[in-house]
């Protein structure tokens, strides 16, 4: 009899916890915009969300990214090439490092890649393509 009561209590708690979390949605994107790569004809694996290109030595190409405004107001996005690092918490940060250039990088991408515009303005819910050379 006591075991049956514990089972009922356990099931009741489980149903209660599930019903409390039902219908709640969360979003990690608090920046107000998204950036997605546009696949290049030189892309090795088109299923990945980063550029992995097969180019001949000294060959150049134009790349593109789609910038989408996910906020409820007009925004201005500054376009620049900056190095990405991972902080001690495992979060990717896109800002200059205090100790300068990373010695593991074979080249400084900000010196090799240029953007057509320094900044773009997006109305709410719109997208623009930014080209990189």
N, C-alpha and C. Protein backbone atom coordinates (compact mmCIF):
# COMPACT_ATOMS: atom_id res chain seq x y z
N UNK A 1 0.81 -1.18 0.00
CA UNK A 1 0.00 0.00 0.00
C UNK A 1 0.87 1.26 0.00
N UNK A 2 1.93 1.28 0.81
CA UNK A 2 2.82 2.42 0.89
C UNK A 2 3.59 2.62 -0.42
N UNK A 3 4.00 1.53 -1.06
CA UNK A 3 4.70 1.60 -2.34
C UNK A 3 3.81 2.20 -3.41
N UNK A 4 2.53 1.80 -3.42
CA UNK A 4 1.58 2.34 -4.40
C UNK A 4 1.43 3.85 -4.20
N UNK A 5 1.42 4.29 -3.00
CA UNK A 5 1.27 5.72 -2.70
C UNK A 5 2.49 6.51 -3.21
N UNK A 6 3.70 5.94 -3.03
CA UNK A 6 4.92 6.59 -3.52
C UNK A 6 4.90 6.69 -5.04
N UNK A 7 4.43 5.64 -5.71
CA UNK A 7 4.33 5.66 -7.17
C UNK A 7 3.36 6.76 -7.62
N UNK A 8 2.25 6.87 -6.96
CA UNK A 8 1.27 7.91 -7.32
C UNK A 8 1.87 9.29 -7.11
N UNK A 9 2.58 9.48 -6.03
CA UNK A 9 3.22 10.76 -5.75
C UNK A 9 4.28 11.08 -6.81
N UNK A 10 5.07 10.08 -7.16
CA UNK A 10 6.11 10.26 -8.19
C UNK A 10 5.52 10.61 -9.54
N UNK A 11 4.47 9.91 -9.95
CA UNK A 11 3.81 10.19 -11.23
C UNK A 11 3.17 11.59 -11.20
N UNK A 12 2.57 11.95 -10.09
CA UNK A 12 1.97 13.28 -9.95
C UNK A 12 3.00 14.39 -10.08
N UNK A 13 4.16 14.20 -9.43
CA UNK A 13 5.23 15.19 -9.54
C UNK A 13 5.76 15.28 -10.97
N UNK A 14 5.93 14.15 -11.63
CA UNK A 14 6.41 14.12 -13.01
C UNK A 14 5.45 14.86 -13.94
N UNK A 15 4.15 14.58 -13.81
CA UNK A 15 3.15 15.25 -14.63
C UNK A 15 3.14 16.75 -14.34
N UNK A 16 3.29 17.12 -13.10
CA UNK A 16 3.33 18.54 -12.73
C UNK A 16 4.52 19.26 -13.32
N UNK A 17 5.69 18.65 -13.25
CA UNK A 17 6.89 19.27 -13.81
C UNK A 17 6.79 19.40 -15.33
N UNK A 18 6.30 18.37 -15.99
CA UNK A 18 6.15 18.43 -17.44
C UNK A 18 5.16 19.51 -17.84
N UNK A 19 4.06 19.63 -17.12
CA UNK A 19 3.05 20.64 -17.48
C UNK A 19 3.56 22.05 -17.25
N UNK A 20 4.46 22.26 -16.27
CA UNK A 20 5.02 23.58 -16.04
C UNK A 20 5.92 24.03 -17.18
N UNK A 21 6.65 23.11 -17.78
CA UNK A 21 7.56 23.47 -18.86
C UNK A 21 6.91 23.42 -20.23
N UNK A 22 5.70 22.95 -20.34
CA UNK A 22 5.02 22.82 -21.62
C UNK A 22 4.74 24.19 -22.23
N UNK A 23 5.06 24.35 -23.50
CA UNK A 23 4.74 25.57 -24.21
C UNK A 23 5.74 26.69 -24.07
N UNK A 24 6.77 26.51 -23.30
CA UNK A 24 7.78 27.54 -23.15
C UNK A 24 8.81 27.38 -24.26
N UNK A 25 9.16 28.47 -24.88
CA UNK A 25 10.21 28.44 -25.89
C UNK A 25 11.32 29.36 -25.45
N UNK A 26 12.51 29.05 -25.85
CA UNK A 26 13.66 29.88 -25.51
C UNK A 26 14.45 30.20 -26.76
N UNK A 27 15.23 31.25 -26.68
CA UNK A 27 16.06 31.64 -27.80
C UNK A 27 17.39 32.14 -27.27
N UNK A 28 18.47 31.66 -27.89
CA UNK A 28 19.79 32.11 -27.49
C UNK A 28 20.22 33.33 -28.29
N UNK A 29 19.51 33.64 -29.37
CA UNK A 29 19.88 34.77 -30.21
C UNK A 29 19.31 36.06 -29.63
N UNK A 30 20.14 36.80 -28.92
CA UNK A 30 19.71 38.08 -28.37
C UNK A 30 20.40 39.24 -29.09
N UNK A 31 21.16 38.94 -30.12
CA UNK A 31 21.90 39.95 -30.85
C UNK A 31 20.97 40.74 -31.77
N UNK A 32 19.98 40.10 -32.35
CA UNK A 32 19.05 40.79 -33.24
C UNK A 32 19.31 40.54 -34.71
N UNK A 33 20.33 39.75 -35.02
CA UNK A 33 20.58 39.39 -36.41
C UNK A 33 21.25 38.03 -36.50
N UNK A 34 21.15 37.44 -37.69
CA UNK A 34 21.79 36.15 -37.97
C UNK A 34 22.67 36.31 -39.20
N UNK A 35 23.75 35.55 -39.26
CA UNK A 35 24.64 35.54 -40.41
C UNK A 35 24.79 34.10 -40.86
N UNK A 36 24.52 33.86 -42.15
CA UNK A 36 24.62 32.51 -42.70
C UNK A 36 25.44 32.54 -43.98
N UNK A 37 26.37 31.60 -44.15
CA UNK A 37 27.17 31.60 -45.37
C UNK A 37 26.34 31.21 -46.58
N UNK A 38 26.67 31.80 -47.73
CA UNK A 38 26.09 31.41 -49.01
C UNK A 38 27.12 30.49 -49.65
N UNK A 39 26.72 29.28 -50.00
CA UNK A 39 27.67 28.27 -50.50
C UNK A 39 28.36 28.75 -51.78
N UNK A 40 29.65 28.52 -51.85
CA UNK A 40 30.46 28.86 -53.01
C UNK A 40 30.55 27.65 -53.93
N UNK A 41 30.81 27.89 -55.20
CA UNK A 41 30.98 26.77 -56.12
C UNK A 41 32.27 26.01 -55.81
N UNK A 42 33.16 26.61 -55.04
CA UNK A 42 34.40 25.96 -54.66
C UNK A 42 34.30 25.24 -53.31
N UNK A 43 33.13 25.26 -52.70
CA UNK A 43 32.92 24.62 -51.40
C UNK A 43 33.11 23.11 -51.53
N UNK A 44 33.91 22.52 -50.66
CA UNK A 44 34.16 21.08 -50.71
C UNK A 44 32.93 20.32 -50.22
N UNK A 45 32.40 20.67 -49.05
CA UNK A 45 31.23 20.00 -48.49
C UNK A 45 30.14 21.04 -48.28
N UNK A 46 29.12 21.03 -49.12
CA UNK A 46 28.06 22.03 -49.07
C UNK A 46 27.12 21.84 -47.88
N UNK A 47 27.26 20.76 -47.12
CA UNK A 47 26.39 20.51 -45.98
C UNK A 47 26.86 21.22 -44.71
N UNK A 48 28.09 21.72 -44.70
CA UNK A 48 28.60 22.39 -43.50
C UNK A 48 28.28 23.88 -43.53
N UNK A 49 28.31 24.52 -42.36
CA UNK A 49 27.94 25.93 -42.28
C UNK A 49 29.16 26.85 -42.16
N UNK A 50 30.28 26.43 -42.70
CA UNK A 50 31.48 27.25 -42.73
C UNK A 50 32.13 27.07 -44.10
N UNK A 51 33.08 27.93 -44.41
CA UNK A 51 33.75 27.83 -45.71
C UNK A 51 34.91 26.87 -45.65
N UNK A 52 34.89 25.87 -46.51
CA UNK A 52 36.00 24.95 -46.71
C UNK A 52 36.16 24.84 -48.22
N UNK A 53 37.02 25.69 -48.77
CA UNK A 53 37.11 25.86 -50.22
C UNK A 53 38.29 25.12 -50.80
N UNK A 54 38.13 24.68 -52.03
CA UNK A 54 39.23 24.06 -52.76
C UNK A 54 39.61 25.03 -53.87
N UNK A 55 40.72 25.74 -53.65
CA UNK A 55 41.22 26.72 -54.61
C UNK A 55 42.64 26.36 -55.01
N UNK A 56 43.03 26.81 -56.19
CA UNK A 56 44.41 26.64 -56.63
C UNK A 56 45.26 27.71 -55.94
N UNK A 57 46.57 27.46 -55.84
CA UNK A 57 47.45 28.47 -55.22
C UNK A 57 47.29 29.82 -55.92
N UNK A 58 47.18 30.89 -55.14
CA UNK A 58 47.02 32.27 -55.61
C UNK A 58 45.68 32.56 -56.26
N UNK A 59 44.77 31.60 -56.30
CA UNK A 59 43.44 31.83 -56.86
C UNK A 59 42.59 32.59 -55.83
N UNK A 60 41.80 33.55 -56.30
CA UNK A 60 40.89 34.28 -55.42
C UNK A 60 39.46 34.04 -55.85
N UNK A 61 38.55 34.28 -54.95
CA UNK A 61 37.13 34.12 -55.24
C UNK A 61 36.35 35.11 -54.38
N UNK A 62 35.11 35.32 -54.75
CA UNK A 62 34.23 36.17 -53.96
C UNK A 62 33.29 35.28 -53.16
N UNK A 63 33.19 35.56 -51.87
CA UNK A 63 32.30 34.82 -50.99
C UNK A 63 31.15 35.73 -50.59
N UNK A 64 30.08 35.13 -50.08
CA UNK A 64 28.93 35.92 -49.65
C UNK A 64 28.33 35.33 -48.38
N UNK A 65 27.78 36.21 -47.56
CA UNK A 65 27.04 35.81 -46.37
C UNK A 65 25.70 36.53 -46.39
N UNK A 66 24.69 35.85 -45.89
CA UNK A 66 23.35 36.43 -45.81
C UNK A 66 23.14 36.92 -44.38
N UNK A 67 22.89 38.21 -44.24
CA UNK A 67 22.65 38.82 -42.93
C UNK A 67 21.16 39.09 -42.82
N UNK A 68 20.51 38.56 -41.77
CA UNK A 68 19.07 38.71 -41.57
C UNK A 68 18.80 39.43 -40.26
N UNK A 69 17.95 40.43 -40.31
CA UNK A 69 17.53 41.16 -39.11
C UNK A 69 16.40 40.39 -38.45
N UNK A 70 16.64 39.85 -37.27
CA UNK A 70 15.63 39.09 -36.53
C UNK A 70 14.96 39.91 -35.44
N UNK A 71 15.34 41.19 -35.34
CA UNK A 71 14.77 42.04 -34.31
C UNK A 71 13.47 42.68 -34.81
N UNK A 72 12.87 43.47 -33.96
CA UNK A 72 11.60 44.13 -34.30
C UNK A 72 11.79 45.58 -34.72
N UNK A 73 13.05 45.96 -34.98
CA UNK A 73 13.32 47.34 -35.39
C UNK A 73 14.47 47.36 -36.40
N UNK A 74 14.67 48.51 -37.05
CA UNK A 74 15.76 48.67 -38.00
C UNK A 74 17.09 48.62 -37.25
N UNK A 75 18.09 47.96 -37.85
CA UNK A 75 19.40 47.86 -37.22
C UNK A 75 20.49 48.19 -38.24
N UNK A 76 21.65 48.58 -37.74
CA UNK A 76 22.83 48.78 -38.57
C UNK A 76 23.88 47.76 -38.12
N UNK A 77 24.40 47.01 -39.07
CA UNK A 77 25.39 45.97 -38.77
C UNK A 77 26.71 46.39 -39.41
N UNK A 78 27.76 46.43 -38.60
CA UNK A 78 29.09 46.76 -39.11
C UNK A 78 29.72 45.47 -39.65
N UNK A 79 30.21 45.54 -40.87
CA UNK A 79 30.81 44.36 -41.49
C UNK A 79 32.32 44.48 -41.41
N UNK A 80 32.95 43.48 -40.85
CA UNK A 80 34.40 43.47 -40.72
C UNK A 80 34.86 42.03 -40.52
N UNK A 81 36.08 41.78 -40.84
CA UNK A 81 36.68 40.47 -40.61
C UNK A 81 37.48 40.57 -39.33
N UNK A 82 37.11 39.79 -38.33
CA UNK A 82 37.81 39.78 -37.05
C UNK A 82 38.10 38.33 -36.66
N UNK A 83 39.17 38.11 -35.92
CA UNK A 83 39.47 36.74 -35.50
C UNK A 83 38.48 36.26 -34.44
N UNK A 84 38.20 34.99 -34.47
CA UNK A 84 37.33 34.39 -33.46
C UNK A 84 38.18 33.59 -32.49
N UNK A 85 37.88 33.73 -31.21
CA UNK A 85 38.57 32.96 -30.18
C UNK A 85 37.52 32.32 -29.28
N UNK A 86 37.94 31.35 -28.54
CA UNK A 86 37.05 30.70 -27.58
C UNK A 86 37.51 31.09 -26.18
N UNK A 87 36.57 31.61 -25.39
CA UNK A 87 36.94 32.01 -24.03
C UNK A 87 36.98 30.77 -23.12
N UNK A 88 37.40 30.91 -21.88
CA UNK A 88 37.50 29.75 -20.98
C UNK A 88 36.17 29.01 -20.76
N UNK A 89 35.03 29.68 -21.02
CA UNK A 89 33.73 29.04 -20.85
C UNK A 89 33.26 28.31 -22.11
N UNK A 90 34.07 28.34 -23.16
CA UNK A 90 33.71 27.67 -24.41
C UNK A 90 32.85 28.50 -25.33
N UNK A 91 32.70 29.78 -25.05
CA UNK A 91 31.88 30.68 -25.87
C UNK A 91 32.78 31.34 -26.91
N UNK A 92 32.33 31.37 -28.16
CA UNK A 92 33.10 32.01 -29.23
C UNK A 92 32.96 33.52 -29.10
N UNK A 93 34.10 34.21 -29.15
CA UNK A 93 34.11 35.66 -29.06
C UNK A 93 34.76 36.22 -30.32
N UNK A 94 34.15 37.25 -30.87
CA UNK A 94 34.65 37.90 -32.07
C UNK A 94 35.15 39.29 -31.70
N UNK A 95 36.33 39.36 -31.15
CA UNK A 95 36.93 40.64 -30.79
C UNK A 95 38.44 40.47 -30.74
N UNK A 96 39.14 41.58 -30.79
CA UNK A 96 40.59 41.53 -30.76
C UNK A 96 41.06 40.94 -29.42
N UNK A 97 42.09 40.12 -29.50
CA UNK A 97 42.64 39.54 -28.28
C UNK A 97 43.63 40.52 -27.66
N UNK A 98 43.75 40.48 -26.35
CA UNK A 98 44.62 41.41 -25.63
C UNK A 98 46.09 41.15 -25.93
N UNK A 99 46.44 39.91 -26.20
CA UNK A 99 47.85 39.59 -26.40
C UNK A 99 48.25 39.60 -27.87
N UNK A 100 47.43 40.17 -28.75
CA UNK A 100 47.81 40.31 -30.16
C UNK A 100 47.51 39.08 -30.98
N UNK A 101 48.32 38.89 -32.02
CA UNK A 101 48.10 37.83 -33.00
C UNK A 101 48.32 36.44 -32.40
N UNK A 102 47.44 35.52 -32.78
CA UNK A 102 47.57 34.14 -32.36
C UNK A 102 48.69 33.49 -33.17
N UNK A 103 49.66 32.92 -32.51
CA UNK A 103 50.81 32.35 -33.22
C UNK A 103 50.45 31.09 -34.01
N UNK A 104 49.30 30.48 -33.73
CA UNK A 104 48.90 29.28 -34.44
C UNK A 104 48.27 29.57 -35.80
N UNK A 105 47.90 30.82 -36.06
CA UNK A 105 47.26 31.16 -37.32
C UNK A 105 48.30 31.33 -38.41
N UNK A 106 48.11 30.69 -39.58
CA UNK A 106 49.08 30.83 -40.67
C UNK A 106 49.02 32.21 -41.33
N UNK A 107 47.86 32.89 -41.27
CA UNK A 107 47.72 34.21 -41.88
C UNK A 107 46.65 34.99 -41.13
N UNK A 108 46.71 36.30 -41.23
CA UNK A 108 45.72 37.17 -40.60
C UNK A 108 44.60 37.40 -41.60
N UNK A 109 43.44 36.78 -41.37
CA UNK A 109 42.31 36.86 -42.31
C UNK A 109 41.84 38.29 -42.52
N UNK A 110 41.96 39.15 -41.51
CA UNK A 110 41.51 40.53 -41.66
C UNK A 110 42.38 41.30 -42.66
N UNK A 111 43.58 40.82 -42.91
CA UNK A 111 44.46 41.43 -43.91
C UNK A 111 44.23 40.85 -45.31
N UNK A 112 43.63 39.67 -45.38
CA UNK A 112 43.43 39.00 -46.66
C UNK A 112 42.04 39.20 -47.25
N UNK A 113 41.04 39.47 -46.40
CA UNK A 113 39.65 39.53 -46.85
C UNK A 113 39.12 40.94 -46.65
N UNK A 114 38.44 41.46 -47.66
CA UNK A 114 37.81 42.77 -47.56
C UNK A 114 36.32 42.65 -47.82
N UNK A 115 35.55 43.60 -47.28
CA UNK A 115 34.11 43.63 -47.51
C UNK A 115 33.79 44.80 -48.43
N UNK A 116 32.68 44.68 -49.16
CA UNK A 116 32.27 45.73 -50.09
C UNK A 116 31.76 46.96 -49.35
N UNK A 117 31.15 46.78 -48.19
CA UNK A 117 30.60 47.89 -47.41
C UNK A 117 31.05 47.76 -45.97
N UNK A 118 31.29 48.89 -45.32
CA UNK A 118 31.71 48.87 -43.91
C UNK A 118 30.55 48.60 -42.97
N UNK A 119 29.33 48.96 -43.40
CA UNK A 119 28.15 48.69 -42.59
C UNK A 119 26.94 48.62 -43.50
N UNK A 120 25.91 47.91 -43.02
CA UNK A 120 24.65 47.79 -43.75
C UNK A 120 23.51 48.09 -42.79
N UNK A 121 22.42 48.62 -43.35
CA UNK A 121 21.23 48.90 -42.55
C UNK A 121 20.13 47.96 -43.02
N UNK A 122 19.48 47.31 -42.05
CA UNK A 122 18.42 46.34 -42.35
C UNK A 122 17.14 46.74 -41.64
N UNK A 123 16.05 46.79 -42.40
CA UNK A 123 14.74 46.98 -41.80
C UNK A 123 14.36 45.70 -41.07
N UNK A 124 13.40 45.77 -40.15
CA UNK A 124 13.04 44.57 -39.38
C UNK A 124 12.58 43.45 -40.33
N UNK A 125 13.07 42.26 -40.06
CA UNK A 125 12.68 41.08 -40.83
C UNK A 125 13.26 40.97 -42.21
N UNK A 126 14.22 41.83 -42.60
CA UNK A 126 14.78 41.77 -43.95
C UNK A 126 16.18 41.16 -43.93
N UNK A 127 16.66 40.82 -45.13
CA UNK A 127 17.99 40.22 -45.28
C UNK A 127 18.74 40.94 -46.39
N UNK A 128 20.06 40.91 -46.31
CA UNK A 128 20.93 41.42 -47.36
C UNK A 128 22.10 40.47 -47.51
N UNK A 129 22.63 40.43 -48.73
CA UNK A 129 23.84 39.64 -49.00
C UNK A 129 25.05 40.56 -48.91
N UNK A 130 26.04 40.15 -48.14
CA UNK A 130 27.30 40.89 -48.01
C UNK A 130 28.37 40.09 -48.73
N UNK A 131 29.10 40.73 -49.63
CA UNK A 131 30.14 40.02 -50.37
C UNK A 131 31.50 40.27 -49.73
N UNK A 132 32.34 39.26 -49.81
CA UNK A 132 33.67 39.28 -49.24
C UNK A 132 34.65 38.89 -50.34
N UNK A 133 35.76 39.59 -50.42
CA UNK A 133 36.75 39.27 -51.46
C UNK A 133 38.09 39.11 -50.81
